[in-house]
C-alpha atoms as a PDB file:
ATOM      1  CA  MET A   1      -0.084   7.932  -0.654  1.00  0.00           C
ATOM      2  CA  LYS A   2       0.627   9.105   2.866  1.00  0.00           C
ATOM      3  CA  LYS A   3       1.922   7.379   5.970  1.00  0.00           C
ATOM      4  CA  ASN A   4      -0.721   5.358   7.843  1.00  0.00           C
ATOM      5  CA  GLU A   5      -3.027   5.123   4.838  1.00  0.00           C
ATOM      6  CA  THR A   6      -4.644   1.789   3.998  1.00  0.00           C
ATOM      7  CA  ILE A   7      -4.911  -0.003   0.642  1.00  0.00           C
ATOM      8  CA  LEU A   8      -7.610  -2.604   0.076  1.00  0.00           C
ATOM      9  CA  VAL A   9      -6.126  -5.273  -2.195  1.00  0.00           C
ATOM     10  CA  THR A  10      -8.565  -7.792  -3.646  1.00  0.00           C
ATOM     11  CA  GLY A  11      -7.100 -11.031  -4.926  1.00  0.00           C
ATOM     12  CA  GLY A  12      -4.106 -10.435  -2.682  1.00  0.00           C
ATOM     13  CA  ALA A  13      -3.263 -14.124  -2.201  1.00  0.00           C
ATOM     14  CA  GLY A  14      -2.761 -14.633  -5.920  1.00  0.00           C
ATOM     15  CA  PHE A  15       0.366 -14.038  -7.972  1.00  0.00           C
ATOM     16  CA  MET A  16       0.194 -10.343  -8.826  1.00  0.00           C
ATOM     17  CA  GLY A  17      -1.830  -9.347  -5.771  1.00  0.00           C
ATOM     18  CA  SER A  18       0.678 -10.893  -3.382  1.00  0.00           C
ATOM     19  CA  ASN A  19       3.643  -9.440  -5.254  1.00  0.00           C
ATOM     20  CA  PHE A  20       2.012  -6.012  -5.071  1.00  0.00           C
ATOM     21  CA  ILE A  21       1.506  -6.371  -1.310  1.00  0.00           C
ATOM     22  CA  HIS A  22       5.141  -7.407  -0.785  1.00  0.00           C
ATOM     23  CA  PHE A  23       6.252  -4.482  -2.951  1.00  0.00           C
ATOM     24  CA  VAL A  24       4.124  -1.866  -1.164  1.00  0.00           C
ATOM     25  CA  LEU A  25       4.995  -3.016   2.352  1.00  0.00           C
ATOM     26  CA  ARG A  26       8.684  -3.026   1.402  1.00  0.00           C
ATOM     27  CA  LYS A  27       8.701   0.376  -0.303  1.00  0.00           C
ATOM     28  CA  PHE A  28       6.303   2.296   1.945  1.00  0.00           C
ATOM     29  CA  PRO A  29       6.900   1.563   5.649  1.00  0.00           C
ATOM     30  CA  GLY A  30       3.840   3.500   6.863  1.00  0.00           C
ATOM     31  CA  ILE A  31       1.278   1.867   4.552  1.00  0.00           C
ATOM     32  CA  ARG A  32      -1.151  -0.823   5.729  1.00  0.00           C
ATOM     33  CA  VAL A  33      -2.922  -3.413   3.568  1.00  0.00           C
ATOM     34  CA  ILE A  34      -6.259  -5.173   3.891  1.00  0.00           C
ATOM     35  CA  ASN A  35      -5.997  -8.285   1.743  1.00  0.00           C
ATOM     36  CA  VAL A  36      -9.217 -10.014   0.692  1.00  0.00           C
ATOM     37  CA  ASP A  37      -9.132 -13.225  -1.336  1.00  0.00           C
ATOM     38  CA  ALA A  38     -11.638 -16.031  -1.936  1.00  0.00           C
ATOM     39  CA  LEU A  39      -8.791 -18.603  -1.939  1.00  0.00           C
ATOM     40  CA  THR A  40      -9.931 -20.384  -5.073  1.00  0.00           C
ATOM     41  CA  TYR A  41      -7.490 -22.774  -6.724  1.00  0.00           C
ATOM     42  CA  ALA A  42      -4.914 -20.061  -7.509  1.00  0.00           C
ATOM     43  CA  GLY A  43      -5.174 -18.259  -4.153  1.00  0.00           C
ATOM     44  CA  ASN A  44      -2.404 -19.275  -1.797  1.00  0.00           C
ATOM     45  CA  LEU A  45      -1.804 -17.983   1.724  1.00  0.00           C
ATOM     46  CA  ASP A  46       1.821 -19.117   1.439  1.00  0.00           C
ATOM     47  CA  ASN A  47       2.217 -16.146  -0.922  1.00  0.00           C
ATOM     48  CA  VAL A  48       1.724 -13.711   1.986  1.00  0.00           C
ATOM     49  CA  ARG A  49       3.046 -15.785   4.853  1.00  0.00           C
ATOM     50  CA  GLY A  50       5.368 -13.922   7.204  1.00  0.00           C
ATOM     51  CA  LEU A  51       4.143 -10.412   6.457  1.00  0.00           C
ATOM     52  CA  PRO A  52       3.889  -8.122   9.514  1.00  0.00           C
ATOM     53  CA  LYS A  53       0.504  -8.590  11.180  1.00  0.00           C
ATOM     54  CA  ASN A  54       0.303  -4.955  12.241  1.00  0.00           C
ATOM     55  CA  ARG A  55       0.444  -3.883   8.580  1.00  0.00           C
ATOM     56  CA  HIS A  56      -1.188  -6.782   6.724  1.00  0.00           C
ATOM     57  CA  ARG A  57      -4.652  -8.102   7.509  1.00  0.00           C
ATOM     58  CA  PHE A  58      -6.082 -11.042   5.583  1.00  0.00           C
ATOM     59  CA  VAL A  59      -9.833 -11.475   5.076  1.00  0.00           C
ATOM     60  CA  LYS A  60     -11.250 -14.493   3.275  1.00  0.00           C
ATOM     61  CA  GLY A  61     -14.054 -13.333   1.015  1.00  0.00           C
ATOM     62  CA  ASP A  62     -15.454 -13.031  -2.486  1.00  0.00           C
ATOM     63  CA  ILE A  63     -15.539  -9.698  -4.299  1.00  0.00           C
ATOM     64  CA  THR A  64     -19.166 -10.380  -5.259  1.00  0.00           C
ATOM     65  CA  ASP A  65     -20.084 -10.068  -1.554  1.00  0.00           C
ATOM     66  CA  PHE A  66     -21.376  -6.485  -1.548  1.00  0.00           C
ATOM     67  CA  SER A  67     -21.773  -6.087   2.216  1.00  0.00           C
ATOM     68  CA  LEU A  68     -18.229  -7.294   2.846  1.00  0.00           C
ATOM     69  CA  MET A  69     -16.724  -5.101   0.138  1.00  0.00           C
ATOM     70  CA  ARG A  70     -18.554  -2.055   1.430  1.00  0.00           C
ATOM     71  CA  ARG A  71     -17.392  -2.670   5.017  1.00  0.00           C
ATOM     72  CA  LEU A  72     -13.789  -3.094   3.905  1.00  0.00           C
ATOM     73  CA  MET A  73     -13.854  -0.002   1.705  1.00  0.00           C
ATOM     74  CA  GLU A  74     -15.024   2.028   4.688  1.00  0.00           C
ATOM     75  CA  ARG A  75     -11.628   1.251   6.235  1.00  0.00           C
ATOM     76  CA  ALA A  76      -9.511   1.893   3.130  1.00  0.00           C
ATOM     77  CA  ASP A  77      -8.062   4.972   1.449  1.00  0.00           C
ATOM     78  CA  TYR A  78      -7.334   3.221  -1.838  1.00  0.00           C
ATOM     79  CA  ALA A  79      -8.374  -0.010  -3.534  1.00  0.00           C
ATOM     80  CA  VAL A  80      -6.706  -2.199  -6.151  1.00  0.00           C
ATOM     81  CA  ASN A  81      -8.603  -5.081  -7.738  1.00  0.00           C
ATOM     82  CA  PHE A  82      -6.375  -7.981  -8.742  1.00  0.00           C
ATOM     83  CA  ALA A  83      -9.120 -10.567  -8.126  1.00  0.00           C
ATOM     84  CA  ALA A  84      -9.805 -12.344 -11.405  1.00  0.00           C
ATOM     85  CA  SER A  85     -10.138 -15.632 -13.176  1.00  0.00           C
ATOM     86  CA  THR A  86      -7.286 -15.256 -15.639  1.00  0.00           C
ATOM     87  CA  HIS A  87      -6.389 -18.509 -17.351  1.00  0.00           C
ATOM     88  CA  VAL A  88      -7.478 -18.382 -20.988  1.00  0.00           C
ATOM     89  CA  ASP A  89      -7.409 -22.157 -21.499  1.00  0.00           C
ATOM     90  CA  ARG A  90      -9.797 -22.711 -18.598  1.00  0.00           C
ATOM     91  CA  SER A  91     -12.197 -20.140 -20.060  1.00  0.00           C
ATOM     92  CA  ILE A  92     -12.175 -22.055 -23.363  1.00  0.00           C
ATOM     93  CA  HIS A  93     -12.104 -25.711 -22.327  1.00  0.00           C
ATOM     94  CA  GLU A  94     -14.066 -25.426 -19.086  1.00  0.00           C
ATOM     95  CA  SER A  95     -17.124 -23.338 -18.223  1.00  0.00           C
ATOM     96  CA  PRO A  96     -16.667 -19.559 -18.634  1.00  0.00           C
ATOM     97  CA  GLU A  97     -19.153 -19.051 -15.786  1.00  0.00           C
ATOM     98  CA  ASP A  98     -16.426 -18.517 -13.163  1.00  0.00           C
ATOM     99  CA  PHE A  99     -14.896 -15.826 -15.375  1.00  0.00           C
ATOM    100  CA  VAL A 100     -18.179 -13.937 -15.662  1.00  0.00           C
ATOM    101  CA  HIS A 101     -18.747 -14.319 -11.904  1.00  0.00           C
ATOM    102  CA  THR A 102     -15.426 -12.769 -10.885  1.00  0.00           C
ATOM    103  CA  ASN A 103     -14.333 -10.620 -13.813  1.00  0.00           C
ATOM    104  CA  THR A 104     -17.692  -9.051 -14.586  1.00  0.00           C
ATOM    105  CA  HIS A 105     -20.093  -9.422 -11.673  1.00  0.00           C
ATOM    106  CA  GLY A 106     -17.230  -9.057  -9.180  1.00  0.00           C
ATOM    107  CA  VAL A 107     -16.100  -5.758 -10.706  1.00  0.00           C
ATOM    108  CA  PHE A 108     -19.710  -4.520 -10.789  1.00  0.00           C
ATOM    109  CA  THR A 109     -20.044  -5.315  -7.062  1.00  0.00           C
ATOM    110  CA  LEU A 110     -16.812  -3.502  -6.227  1.00  0.00           C
ATOM    111  CA  LEU A 111     -18.003  -0.444  -8.123  1.00  0.00           C
ATOM    112  CA  GLU A 112     -21.310  -0.488  -6.263  1.00  0.00           C
ATOM    113  CA  ALA A 113     -19.394  -0.606  -2.974  1.00  0.00           C
ATOM    114  CA  LEU A 114     -17.014   2.109  -4.153  1.00  0.00           C
ATOM    115  CA  ARG A 115     -19.752   4.612  -4.976  1.00  0.00           C
ATOM    116  CA  ARG A 116     -21.090   4.203  -1.438  1.00  0.00           C
ATOM    117  CA  SER A 117     -17.647   4.540   0.163  1.00  0.00           C
ATOM    118  CA  PRO A 118     -16.530   8.186   0.036  1.00  0.00           C
ATOM    119  CA  ARG A 119     -13.373   7.436   2.030  1.00  0.00           C
ATOM    120  CA  VAL A 120     -11.751   5.625  -0.932  1.00  0.00           C
ATOM    121  CA  LYS A 121      -9.838   8.206  -2.962  1.00  0.00           C
ATOM    122  CA  LYS A 122      -9.122   6.006  -5.942  1.00  0.00           C
ATOM    123  CA  MET A 123      -9.516   2.428  -7.170  1.00  0.00           C
ATOM    124  CA  VAL A 124      -7.425   0.742  -9.843  1.00  0.00           C
ATOM    125  CA  GLN A 125      -9.110  -2.028 -11.800  1.00  0.00           C
ATOM    126  CA  VAL A 126      -6.302  -4.275 -13.073  1.00  0.00           C
ATOM    127  CA  SER A 127      -7.267  -5.442 -16.541  1.00  0.00           C
ATOM    128  CA  THR A 128      -5.459  -6.935 -19.524  1.00  0.00           C
ATOM    129  CA  ASP A 129      -4.233  -6.113 -23.005  1.00  0.00           C
ATOM    130  CA  GLU A 130      -6.268  -9.081 -24.258  1.00  0.00           C
ATOM    131  CA  VAL A 131      -9.438  -6.963 -24.382  1.00  0.00           C
ATOM    132  CA  TRP A 132      -7.998  -5.346 -27.522  1.00  0.00           C
ATOM    133  CA  GLY A 133      -7.807  -8.609 -29.449  1.00  0.00           C
ATOM    134  CA  SER A 134      -4.899  -9.619 -31.643  1.00  0.00           C
ATOM    135  CA  LEU A 135      -2.341  -8.038 -33.959  1.00  0.00           C
ATOM    136  CA  ALA A 136      -0.758  -9.644 -37.007  1.00  0.00           C
ATOM    137  CA  LEU A 137       2.826 -10.820 -36.566  1.00  0.00           C
ATOM    138  CA  ASP A 138       4.018  -8.447 -39.280  1.00  0.00           C
ATOM    139  CA  SER A 139       1.976  -5.488 -38.019  1.00  0.00           C
ATOM    140  CA  LYS A 140       3.799  -2.304 -37.045  1.00  0.00           C
ATOM    141  CA  LYS A 141       0.946  -1.309 -34.745  1.00  0.00           C
ATOM    142  CA  LYS A 142       0.866  -1.416 -30.962  1.00  0.00           C
ATOM    143  CA  PHE A 143      -2.200  -1.382 -28.771  1.00  0.00           C
ATOM    144  CA  ASN A 144      -2.916   1.779 -26.842  1.00  0.00           C
ATOM    145  CA  GLU A 145      -5.765   3.191 -24.790  1.00  0.00           C
ATOM    146  CA  SER A 146      -7.677   4.362 -27.883  1.00  0.00           C
ATOM    147  CA  PHE A 147      -7.977   0.893 -29.439  1.00  0.00           C
ATOM    148  CA  PRO A 148     -11.511  -0.586 -29.578  1.00  0.00           C
ATOM    149  CA  TYR A 149     -12.308  -3.662 -27.505  1.00  0.00           C
ATOM    150  CA  ARG A 150     -12.237  -6.835 -29.620  1.00  0.00           C
ATOM    151  CA  PRO A 151     -11.865  -9.755 -27.166  1.00  0.00           C
ATOM    152  CA  ASN A 152     -11.314 -13.180 -28.721  1.00  0.00           C
ATOM    153  CA  SER A 153     -11.727 -15.488 -25.706  1.00  0.00           C
ATOM    154  CA  PRO A 154     -14.353 -15.844 -22.972  1.00  0.00           C
ATOM    155  CA  TYR A 155     -11.700 -14.674 -20.494  1.00  0.00           C
ATOM    156  CA  ALA A 156     -10.976 -11.489 -22.449  1.00  0.00           C
ATOM    157  CA  ALA A 157     -14.704 -10.835 -22.957  1.00  0.00           C
ATOM    158  CA  SER A 158     -15.379 -11.098 -19.223  1.00  0.00           C
ATOM    159  CA  LYS A 159     -12.548  -8.645 -18.479  1.00  0.00           C
ATOM    160  CA  ALA A 160     -13.806  -6.245 -21.150  1.00  0.00           C
ATOM    161  CA  ALA A 161     -17.265  -6.282 -19.581  1.00  0.00           C
ATOM    162  CA  GLY A 162     -15.798  -5.385 -16.173  1.00  0.00           C
ATOM    163  CA  ASP A 163     -13.786  -2.565 -17.748  1.00  0.00           C
ATOM    164  CA  LEU A 164     -16.880  -1.142 -19.408  1.00  0.00           C
ATOM    165  CA  PHE A 165     -18.700  -1.130 -16.082  1.00  0.00           C
ATOM    166  CA  CYS A 166     -15.801   0.968 -14.750  1.00  0.00           C
ATOM    167  CA  ARG A 167     -16.298   3.476 -17.551  1.00  0.00           C
ATOM    168  CA  ALA A 168     -20.049   3.573 -16.969  1.00  0.00           C
ATOM    169  CA  PHE A 169     -19.740   4.037 -13.202  1.00  0.00           C
ATOM    170  CA  PHE A 170     -17.269   6.881 -13.671  1.00  0.00           C
ATOM    171  CA  LYS A 171     -19.433   8.608 -16.270  1.00  0.00           C
ATOM    172  CA  THR A 172     -22.708   8.035 -14.415  1.00  0.00           C
ATOM    173  CA  TYR A 173     -21.740   8.263 -10.746  1.00  0.00           C
ATOM    174  CA  GLY A 174     -18.302   9.859 -10.787  1.00  0.00           C
ATOM    175  CA  VAL A 175     -16.661   6.963  -8.938  1.00  0.00           C
ATOM    176  CA  PRO A 176     -12.857   7.458  -8.821  1.00  0.00           C
ATOM    177  CA  VAL A 177     -11.844   4.371 -10.800  1.00  0.00           C
ATOM    178  CA  ILE A 178      -8.930   3.854 -13.186  1.00  0.00           C
ATOM    179  CA  VAL A 179      -8.517   0.881 -15.540  1.00  0.00           C
ATOM    180  CA  SER A 180      -5.014  -0.429 -16.195  1.00  0.00           C
ATOM    181  CA  HIS A 181      -4.285  -2.833 -19.053  1.00  0.00           C
ATOM    182  CA  SER A 182      -1.333  -5.047 -18.232  1.00  0.00           C
ATOM    183  CA  VAL A 183       0.625  -7.272 -20.574  1.00  0.00           C
ATOM    184  CA  ASN A 184       1.900 -10.739 -19.566  1.00  0.00           C
ATOM    185  CA  ASN A 185       3.467 -10.744 -16.105  1.00  0.00           C
ATOM    186  CA  PHE A 186       6.356 -12.845 -14.829  1.00  0.00           C
ATOM    187  CA  GLY A 187       8.022 -13.177 -11.444  1.00  0.00           C
ATOM    188  CA  PRO A 188       8.011 -15.242  -8.241  1.00  0.00           C
ATOM    189  CA  ARG A 189       4.873 -16.869  -6.797  1.00  0.00           C
ATOM    190  CA  GLN A 190       3.174 -17.284 -10.170  1.00  0.00           C
ATOM    191  CA  PHE A 191       0.694 -20.148 -10.321  1.00  0.00           C
ATOM    192  CA  PRO A 192       2.236 -22.935 -12.441  1.00  0.00           C
ATOM    193  CA  GLU A 193      -0.503 -23.084 -15.044  1.00  0.00           C
ATOM    194  CA  LYS A 194       1.066 -19.933 -16.512  1.00  0.00           C
ATOM    195  CA  LEU A 195       3.677 -20.082 -19.236  1.00  0.00           C
ATOM    196  CA  ILE A 196       7.001 -19.563 -17.428  1.00  0.00           C
ATOM    197  CA  PRO A 197       6.399 -21.544 -14.203  1.00  0.00           C
ATOM    198  CA  PHE A 198       4.664 -24.264 -16.213  1.00  0.00           C
ATOM    199  CA  PHE A 199       7.671 -24.596 -18.504  1.00  0.00           C
ATOM    200  CA  PHE A 200       9.917 -24.607 -15.427  1.00  0.00           C
ATOM    201  CA  LEU A 201       7.881 -27.387 -13.857  1.00  0.00           C
ATOM    202  CA  ARG A 202       7.925 -29.504 -17.015  1.00  0.00           C
ATOM    203  CA  ALA A 203      11.673 -29.024 -17.459  1.00  0.00           C
ATOM    204  CA  GLN A 204      12.347 -29.826 -13.796  1.00  0.00           C
ATOM    205  CA  GLN A 205      10.471 -33.101 -14.248  1.00  0.00           C
ATOM    206  CA  ASN A 206      12.335 -33.814 -17.515  1.00  0.00           C
ATOM    207  CA  LYS A 207       9.065 -33.738 -19.458  1.00  0.00           C
ATOM    208  CA  PRO A 208       8.465 -32.174 -22.891  1.00  0.00           C
ATOM    209  CA  LEU A 209       7.498 -28.499 -23.017  1.00  0.00           C
ATOM    210  CA  PRO A 210       4.223 -28.369 -25.033  1.00  0.00           C
ATOM    211  CA  LEU A 211       4.098 -25.406 -27.382  1.00  0.00           C
ATOM    212  CA  TYR A 212       0.910 -24.442 -29.210  1.00  0.00           C
ATOM    213  CA  GLY A 213       0.926 -24.245 -33.014  1.00  0.00           C
ATOM    214  CA  ASP A 214       4.166 -22.959 -34.508  1.00  0.00           C
ATOM    215  CA  GLY A 215       5.264 -21.275 -31.260  1.00  0.00           C
ATOM    216  CA  LYS A 216       5.534 -17.886 -32.957  1.00  0.00           C
ATOM    217  CA  ASN A 217       2.734 -16.203 -30.993  1.00  0.00           C
ATOM    218  CA  VAL A 218       4.203 -13.015 -29.531  1.00  0.00           C
ATOM    219  CA  ARG A 219       3.521 -11.587 -26.090  1.00  0.00           C
ATOM    220  CA  ASP A 220       4.651  -8.395 -24.368  1.00  0.00           C
ATOM    221  CA  TRP A 221       6.165  -9.061 -20.911  1.00  0.00           C
ATOM    222  CA  ILE A 222       6.580  -7.156 -17.657  1.00  0.00           C
ATOM    223  CA  HIS A 223       8.122  -8.146 -14.318  1.00  0.00           C
ATOM    224  CA  ALA A 224       5.752  -8.237 -11.333  1.00  0.00           C
ATOM    225  CA  ASP A 225       7.732  -5.541  -9.499  1.00  0.00           C
ATOM    226  CA  ASP A 226       7.575  -3.201 -12.487  1.00  0.00           C
ATOM    227  CA  HIS A 227       3.834  -3.801 -12.699  1.00  0.00           C
ATOM    228  CA  SER A 228       3.481  -3.110  -8.959  1.00  0.00           C
ATOM    229  CA  ALA A 229       5.394   0.141  -9.349  1.00  0.00           C
ATOM    230  CA  ALA A 230       3.038   1.099 -12.176  1.00  0.00           C
ATOM    231  CA  ILE A 231      -0.015   0.536  -9.965  1.00  0.00           C
ATOM    232  CA  VAL A 232       1.534   2.729  -7.261  1.00  0.00           C
ATOM    233  CA  THR A 233       2.092   5.426  -9.891  1.00  0.00           C
ATOM    234  CA  LEU A 234      -1.574   5.236 -10.891  1.00  0.00           C
ATOM    235  CA  LEU A 235      -2.699   5.475  -7.263  1.00  0.00           C
ATOM    236  CA  LYS A 236      -0.566   8.591  -6.846  1.00  0.00           C
ATOM    237  CA  LYS A 237      -0.891  10.315 -10.221  1.00  0.00           C
ATOM    238  CA  GLY A 238      -3.451   8.509 -12.359  1.00  0.00           C
ATOM    239  CA  VAL A 239      -6.571  10.377 -13.418  1.00  0.00           C
ATOM    240  CA  PRO A 240      -9.928   8.770 -12.478  1.00  0.00           C
ATOM    241  CA  GLY A 241     -11.971   7.780 -15.505  1.00  0.00           C
ATOM    242  CA  GLU A 242      -8.836   7.190 -17.588  1.00  0.00           C
ATOM    243  CA  GLU A 243      -7.300   3.961 -18.919  1.00  0.00           C
ATOM    244  CA  TYR A 244      -3.569   3.266 -18.840  1.00  0.00           C
ATOM    245  CA  ALA A 245      -1.647   0.598 -20.733  1.00  0.00           C
ATOM    246  CA  VAL A 246       1.031  -0.991 -18.530  1.00  0.00           C
ATOM    247  CA  ALA A 247       3.747  -2.709 -20.547  1.00  0.00           C
ATOM    248  CA  GLY A 248       7.391  -3.579 -20.448  1.00  0.00           C
ATOM    249  CA  GLU A 249       7.369  -3.124 -24.231  1.00  0.00           C
ATOM    250  CA  ASP A 250       9.419  -6.313 -24.214  1.00  0.00           C
ATOM    251  CA  GLU A 251       8.075  -8.656 -26.911  1.00  0.00           C
ATOM    252  CA  HIS A 252       9.034 -12.322 -27.229  1.00  0.00           C
ATOM    253  CA  PRO A 253       7.590 -15.222 -29.228  1.00  0.00           C
ATOM    254  CA  ASN A 254       6.529 -18.201 -27.121  1.00  0.00           C
ATOM    255  CA  HIS A 255       9.203 -20.488 -28.582  1.00  0.00           C
ATOM    256  CA  GLU A 256      11.849 -18.020 -27.398  1.00  0.00           C
ATOM    257  CA  ILE A 257      10.417 -18.112 -23.856  1.00  0.00           C
ATOM    258  CA  ALA A 258      10.655 -21.900 -23.892  1.00  0.00           C
ATOM    259  CA  LYS A 259      14.294 -21.710 -24.981  1.00  0.00           C
ATOM    260  CA  LEU A 260      15.131 -19.108 -22.318  1.00  0.00           C
ATOM    261  CA  VAL A 261      13.625 -21.290 -19.583  1.00  0.00           C
ATOM    262  CA  LEU A 262      15.520 -24.333 -20.834  1.00  0.00           C
ATOM    263  CA  ALA A 263      18.785 -22.366 -21.042  1.00  0.00           C
ATOM    264  CA  SER A 264      18.324 -21.104 -17.466  1.00  0.00           C
ATOM    265  CA  MET A 265      17.961 -24.718 -16.343  1.00  0.00           C
ATOM    266  CA  GLN A 266      20.720 -26.050 -18.616  1.00  0.00           C
ATOM    267  CA  LYS A 267      18.261 -28.215 -20.518  1.00  0.00           C
ATOM    268  CA  PRO A 268      18.353 -28.962 -24.292  1.00  0.00           C
ATOM    269  CA  ASN A 269      15.999 -27.325 -26.777  1.00  0.00           C
ATOM    270  CA  HIS A 270      14.776 -30.698 -28.072  1.00  0.00           C
ATOM    271  CA  LYS A 271      12.528 -30.769 -24.990  1.00  0.00           C
ATOM    272  CA  ILE A 272      10.186 -28.415 -26.891  1.00  0.00           C
ATOM    273  CA  HIS A 273       7.205 -30.319 -28.300  1.00  0.00           C
ATOM    274  CA  PHE A 274       4.777 -28.655 -30.714  1.00  0.00           C
ATOM    275  CA  VAL A 275       1.090 -29.460 -30.185  1.00  0.00           C
ATOM    276  CA  PRO A 276      -2.145 -28.474 -32.017  1.00  0.00           C
ATOM    277  CA  ASP A 277      -3.094 -24.842 -31.527  1.00  0.00           C
ATOM    278  CA  ARG A 278      -5.939 -23.824 -29.247  1.00  0.00           C
ATOM    279  CA  PRO A 279      -9.139 -22.178 -30.533  1.00  0.00           C
ATOM    280  CA  GLY A 280      -9.030 -18.412 -31.024  1.00  0.00           C
ATOM    281  CA  HIS A 281      -5.329 -18.131 -30.130  1.00  0.00           C
ATOM    282  CA  ASP A 282      -4.334 -14.458 -30.415  1.00  0.00           C
ATOM    283  CA  ARG A 283      -1.271 -14.069 -32.612  1.00  0.00           C
ATOM    284  CA  ARG A 284       0.477 -11.040 -31.163  1.00  0.00           C
ATOM    285  CA  TYR A 285       0.126  -8.552 -28.329  1.00  0.00           C
ATOM    286  CA  ALA A 286       2.213  -5.392 -28.371  1.00  0.00           C
ATOM    287  CA  VAL A 287       1.437  -2.389 -26.211  1.00  0.00           C
ATOM    288  CA  ASP A 288       2.424   1.286 -26.231  1.00  0.00           C
ATOM    289  CA  ALA A 289       2.867   2.407 -22.598  1.00  0.00           C
ATOM    290  CA  SER A 290       3.753   6.031 -23.348  1.00  0.00           C
ATOM    291  CA  LYS A 291       0.711   7.379 -21.465  1.00  0.00           C
ATOM    292  CA  ILE A 292       1.766   5.978 -18.085  1.00  0.00           C
ATOM    293  CA  ARG A 293       5.403   6.788 -18.832  1.00  0.00           C
ATOM    294  CA  GLN A 294       4.345  10.446 -18.940  1.00  0.00           C
ATOM    295  CA  LEU A 295       3.461  10.069 -15.249  1.00  0.00           C
ATOM    296  CA  GLY A 296       7.091   9.215 -14.497  1.00  0.00           C
ATOM    297  CA  TRP A 297       6.906   5.408 -14.493  1.00  0.00           C
ATOM    298  CA  ASN A 298       9.400   3.305 -16.433  1.00  0.00           C
ATOM    299  CA  PRO A 299      10.041  -0.459 -16.277  1.00  0.00           C
ATOM    300  CA  LYS A 300      13.427  -1.446 -14.895  1.00  0.00           C
ATOM    301  CA  MET A 301      13.650  -5.176 -15.685  1.00  0.00           C
ATOM    302  CA  ASN A 302      13.517  -6.971 -19.012  1.00  0.00           C
ATOM    303  CA  LEU A 303      12.646 -10.627 -19.375  1.00  0.00           C
ATOM    304  CA  ALA A 304      15.870 -12.019 -20.782  1.00  0.00           C
ATOM    305  CA  GLN A 305      17.993 -10.540 -17.987  1.00  0.00           C
ATOM    306  CA  SER A 306      15.509 -11.184 -15.161  1.00  0.00           C
ATOM    307  CA  LEU A 307      14.351 -14.692 -16.060  1.00  0.00           C
ATOM    308  CA  PRO A 308      17.307 -16.567 -14.484  1.00  0.00           C
ATOM    309  CA  SER A 309      16.564 -15.012 -11.072  1.00  0.00           C
ATOM    310  CA  VAL A 310      12.882 -15.935 -11.427  1.00  0.00           C
ATOM    311  CA  ILE A 311      13.792 -19.524 -12.302  1.00  0.00           C
ATOM    312  CA  ALA A 312      16.156 -19.558  -9.317  1.00  0.00           C
ATOM    313  CA  TRP A 313      13.266 -18.497  -7.054  1.00  0.00           C
ATOM    314  CA  TYR A 314      11.255 -21.550  -8.105  1.00  0.00           C
ATOM    315  CA  GLN A 315      14.281 -23.800  -7.656  1.00  0.00           C
ATOM    316  CA  GLN A 316      14.864 -22.432  -4.157  1.00  0.00           C
ATOM    317  CA  ASN A 317      11.215 -22.650  -3.070  1.00  0.00           C
ATOM    318  CA  ASN A 318      10.356 -26.287  -3.573  1.00  0.00           C
ATOM    319  CA  ASP A 319       8.135 -26.318  -0.474  1.00  0.00           C
ATOM    320  CA  TRP A 320       5.977 -23.592  -2.038  1.00  0.00           C
ATOM    321  CA  LEU A 321       5.814 -25.501  -5.311  1.00  0.00           C
ATOM    322  CA  ARG A 322       4.982 -28.817  -3.618  1.00  0.00           C
ATOM    323  CA  GLY A 323       2.168 -27.135  -1.722  1.00  0.00           C
ATOM    324  CA  VAL A 324       0.682 -25.725  -4.924  1.00  0.00           C
ATOM    325  CA  LEU A 325       0.938 -29.071  -6.725  1.00  0.00           C
ATOM    326  CA  LYS A 326      -0.602 -30.958  -3.807  1.00  0.00           C
ATOM    327  CA  LYS A 327      -3.589 -28.606  -3.831  1.00  0.00           C
ATOM    328  CA  ASN A 328      -3.928 -28.688  -7.631  1.00  0.00           C
ATOM    329  CA  LYS A 329      -3.294 -32.183  -8.922  1.00  0.00           C
ATOM    330  CA  LYS A 330      -4.639 -31.389 -12.405  1.00  0.00           C
ATOM    331  CA  ILE A 331      -1.807 -29.014 -13.316  1.00  0.00           C
ATOM    332  CA  ASN A 332       0.438 -31.673 -14.801  1.00  0.00           C
ATOM    333  CA  GLN A 333      -2.437 -32.989 -16.925  1.00  0.00           C
ATOM    334  CA  HIS A 334      -2.988 -29.678 -18.729  1.00  0.00           C
ATOM    335  CA  ILE A 335      -1.330 -28.370 -21.854  1.00  0.00           C
ATOM    336  CA  ILE A 336      -1.042 -24.788 -20.726  1.00  0.00           C
ATOM    337  CA  LEU A 337       0.216 -21.770 -22.589  1.00  0.00           C
ATOM    338  CA  SER A 338      -0.346 -18.048 -22.820  1.00  0.00           C
END
């Protein structure tokens, strides 16, 4: 990326999109960002408040709006799609229609705009490791880019469909798209239906921390800044048409995450409360990120060492948290886990 180039970031008012924008504007002084977000329940303009107006432009819009996406891509040198419906529980217990709308039809629309926008040098479609399904707890395997897609939730299926459209548009039309498969992210500004901020919120309110099943489900974790650095690496060095697994290679069972959050807040472990498991709950995700590491990227932060600073961010940003809770009154009613 060169000075004065522009990145179109879709879903830039959400957790990862906003963290990526903060990261890029901080690390690359000459870069500008066009941020488009539909501002659904998880989109939050407070996440990008205070960014320099001469380098950050916000546009309210849906990625399924072809005419808008095409106009914006005509002004961009790169594109990164963070826009997604991501919460697995909502895809199971509520209608999956929103997930298909954004994660499948939205990606298709972006690809249609991309193939008509020769200015864009490369687009990264931010996907998930959940498209690969589940590993056994005692398995020695790790997911990598050669694993077949075996999604086990409506959310994962909708992401897999969007990824396959990326493959098809590269093979058929030669569009310069890359698919990245991220593991679980953590960091500031994360919507509190997700595991770590949800546990923080429950602990702050002195409520039990609900843990699905036996709490032994394992997830691979990566800090938002490490993920942002990986996306930058793919924009610079990634090969269009390829897939890249993005992972901290930092596995933790869910019960350990609960204990780490409680320890950071000086709360007792008896706050953990086991509840019936959810349908189709994947047992373990573990990802081999050697392919992107060959491009020179390496994660710098592990969860155990970084979690206290993340918890401190939530403690120090009560206005942000109150704003999110005021807008989303159902959060405290949900049993929410990764």
